[in-house]
Amino acid sequence: MIGKFLKYIFAETAEAHYEIDTNKLHLLETMKETLLDNDEITFELENGILIGTGKSPFLDIHVAIKITNYRLEIQKGKSNPILSNIKMTKNSTKEARDFLASEKGCKGVIAAAILINSDVTSMIANFFMRISRPIVPTKIFTDEAEAKTWLSQYVKKD
């Protein structure tokens, strides 16, 4: 019976992730849709949260503007909470950080969670956030699940 049920769910869902509780079968469905995947970034939409995963080790103003333009094109005038996975990014210019924290860089962003590799990087990122001062609620995370939980409060309920 459960096998048929799972087979039906997998057939009816584009992409889903499931977890099994130790005491009972507990299915948690997470819909994730890839909206853009190129050499610079991947954008996915998951439960109302737009997830951008950067692929470049260096972020300058030109890349920041390009990525923002990709995001705005994908959003088509809508606003989303954004999870920005910058684990691959090793360095960024002040000009790029200032742009991303500005009104132009935050257009269409309700709130931003920045996902990084380590607590040391977190201290550095928090220092730069105090200087650049994003105009939307912004937090630094090393745990993706915590970032998504925080962002979920900003998802628009239709």
Protein backbone atom coordinates (compact mmCIF):
# COMPACT_ATOMS: atom_id res chain seq x y z
CA MET A 1 0.00 0.00 0.00
CA ILE A 2 2.72 2.50 1.00
CA GLY A 3 4.77 1.47 -2.05
CA LYS A 4 1.86 2.31 -4.38
CA PHE A 5 1.33 5.61 -2.55
CA LEU A 6 5.01 6.61 -2.91
CA LYS A 7 5.02 5.51 -6.56
CA TYR A 8 1.97 7.74 -7.16
CA ILE A 9 3.59 10.72 -5.42
CA PHE A 10 6.84 10.35 -7.38
CA ALA A 11 4.85 10.13 -10.63
CA GLU A 12 2.81 13.25 -9.78
CA THR A 13 5.63 15.48 -8.50
CA ALA A 14 8.27 17.23 -10.62
CA GLU A 15 10.93 16.87 -7.94
CA ALA A 16 10.39 15.99 -4.31
CA HIS A 17 12.51 15.19 -1.28
CA TYR A 18 11.24 12.84 1.40
CA GLU A 19 12.29 12.09 4.97
CA ILE A 20 11.21 9.04 6.97
CA ASP A 21 10.50 9.50 10.69
CA THR A 22 11.81 6.59 12.82
CA ASN A 23 8.41 5.96 14.47
CA LYS A 24 6.08 6.49 11.55
CA LEU A 25 6.13 7.22 7.88
CA HIS A 26 6.32 10.98 7.64
CA LEU A 27 6.51 12.53 4.19
CA LEU A 28 7.77 16.05 3.84
CA GLU A 29 7.40 17.36 0.32
CA THR A 30 9.60 20.14 -0.93
CA MET A 31 8.95 21.47 -4.41
CA LYS A 32 12.04 22.83 -6.11
CA GLU A 33 12.03 24.27 -9.62
CA THR A 34 15.18 25.30 -11.50
CA LEU A 35 14.54 28.66 -13.18
CA LEU A 36 18.03 29.42 -14.55
CA ASP A 37 21.33 27.57 -14.68
CA ASN A 38 24.34 29.16 -16.38
CA ASP A 39 28.10 29.55 -15.80
CA GLU A 40 27.62 32.26 -13.16
CA ILE A 41 24.59 31.23 -11.12
CA THR A 42 21.75 28.78 -10.62
CA PHE A 43 18.36 30.12 -9.55
CA GLU A 44 15.79 27.75 -8.04
CA LEU A 45 12.39 28.44 -6.53
CA GLU A 46 11.54 26.39 -3.44
CA ASN A 47 8.34 27.02 -1.48
CA GLY A 48 8.31 30.72 -2.38
CA ILE A 49 12.02 31.24 -1.62
CA LEU A 50 14.29 32.14 -4.54
CA ILE A 51 17.64 30.37 -4.11
CA GLY A 52 20.64 31.74 -5.96
CA THR A 53 23.79 29.61 -5.94
CA GLY A 54 26.82 31.53 -7.17
CA LYS A 55 29.46 29.67 -9.18
CA SER A 56 32.21 32.28 -9.40
CA PRO A 57 35.05 32.51 -6.85
CA PHE A 58 35.22 36.29 -7.43
CA LEU A 59 32.34 38.77 -7.31
CA ASP A 60 32.90 42.18 -8.86
CA ILE A 61 30.43 44.90 -9.82
CA HIS A 62 29.95 43.50 -13.34
CA VAL A 63 29.01 40.03 -12.07
CA ALA A 64 26.79 41.55 -9.33
CA ILE A 65 24.85 43.60 -11.89
CA LYS A 66 24.51 40.61 -14.26
CA ILE A 67 23.24 38.33 -11.50
CA THR A 68 20.77 40.99 -10.33
CA ASN A 69 19.48 41.41 -13.88
CA TYR A 70 19.05 37.61 -14.23
CA ARG A 71 17.13 37.57 -10.94
CA LEU A 72 14.85 40.46 -11.93
CA GLU A 73 14.11 38.81 -15.28
CA ILE A 74 13.17 35.54 -13.53
CA GLN A 75 11.00 37.32 -10.95
CA LYS A 76 8.97 39.15 -13.61
CA GLY A 77 8.05 42.03 -11.31
CA LYS A 78 7.35 39.86 -8.26
CA SER A 79 9.24 39.99 -4.96
CA ASN A 80 10.67 37.03 -3.06
CA PRO A 81 12.74 36.26 -0.02
CA ILE A 82 16.19 35.32 -1.36
CA LEU A 83 18.65 32.67 -0.21
CA SER A 84 22.04 33.62 -1.61
CA ASN A 85 24.45 30.68 -1.49
CA ILE A 86 27.91 32.23 -1.82
CA LYS A 87 29.92 29.26 -0.58
CA MET A 88 31.90 29.23 -3.85
CA THR A 89 32.72 32.94 -3.63
CA LYS A 90 36.13 33.53 -2.08
CA ASN A 91 36.43 37.28 -2.66
CA SER A 92 34.26 40.26 -3.58
CA THR A 93 34.82 43.93 -4.23
CA LYS A 94 33.40 46.66 -2.01
CA GLU A 95 31.67 48.08 -5.08
CA ALA A 96 29.84 44.75 -5.67
CA ARG A 97 28.82 44.44 -2.00
CA ASP A 98 27.59 48.05 -1.91
CA PHE A 99 25.56 47.51 -5.09
CA LEU A 100 23.92 44.31 -3.77
CA ALA A 101 22.98 46.13 -0.53
CA SER A 102 21.56 49.14 -2.42
CA GLU A 103 18.03 49.90 -3.61
CA LYS A 104 18.90 48.73 -7.14
CA GLY A 105 20.51 45.51 -5.89
CA CYS A 106 17.62 44.78 -3.52
CA LYS A 107 14.81 45.43 -6.00
CA GLY A 108 12.39 42.50 -5.78
CA VAL A 109 13.98 41.22 -2.55
CA ILE A 110 11.77 40.97 0.55
CA ALA A 111 14.54 39.58 2.80
CA ALA A 112 17.94 37.99 2.19
CA ALA A 113 19.69 35.07 3.83
CA ILE A 114 23.35 34.71 2.88
CA LEU A 115 24.68 31.17 3.08
CA ILE A 116 28.42 30.87 3.70
CA ASN A 117 30.95 28.16 4.61
CA SER A 118 32.18 28.83 8.13
CA ASP A 119 31.84 30.82 11.33
CA VAL A 120 35.05 32.71 10.47
CA THR A 121 33.57 33.79 7.14
CA SER A 122 30.40 34.67 9.05
CA MET A 123 32.29 37.12 11.27
CA ILE A 124 33.83 38.79 8.21
CA ALA A 125 30.46 38.90 6.39
CA ASN A 126 28.72 40.43 9.43
CA PHE A 127 31.45 43.08 9.59
CA PHE A 128 30.91 43.99 5.92
CA MET A 129 27.12 44.03 6.42
CA ARG A 130 27.54 46.69 9.10
CA ILE A 131 29.46 48.82 6.59
CA SER A 132 27.26 48.20 3.50
CA ARG A 133 23.93 48.13 5.42
CA PRO A 134 21.44 46.27 3.19
CA ILE A 135 18.03 47.96 2.87
CA VAL A 136 16.10 44.68 3.44
CA PRO A 137 16.25 42.32 6.44
CA THR A 138 19.46 40.32 5.94
CA LYS A 139 21.11 37.57 7.97
CA ILE A 140 24.20 35.40 7.55
CA PHE A 141 23.89 31.60 7.92
CA THR A 142 26.16 28.56 7.76
CA ASP A 143 23.19 26.16 7.84
CA GLU A 144 20.83 26.09 4.82
CA ALA A 145 17.85 24.68 6.75
CA GLU A 146 18.10 27.49 9.33
CA ALA A 147 18.30 30.07 6.53
CA LYS A 148 15.16 28.65 4.86
CA THR A 149 13.31 28.57 8.19
CA TRP A 150 14.15 32.24 8.81
CA LEU A 151 13.15 33.23 5.25
CA SER A 152 9.85 31.32 5.43
CA GLN A 153 8.37 34.11 7.59
CA TYR A 154 8.75 36.44 4.58
CA VAL A 155 7.08 34.17 1.98
CA LYS A 156 3.94 35.80 0.60
CA LYS A 157 0.89 33.62 1.13
CA ASP A 158 -1.31 33.77 -1.98
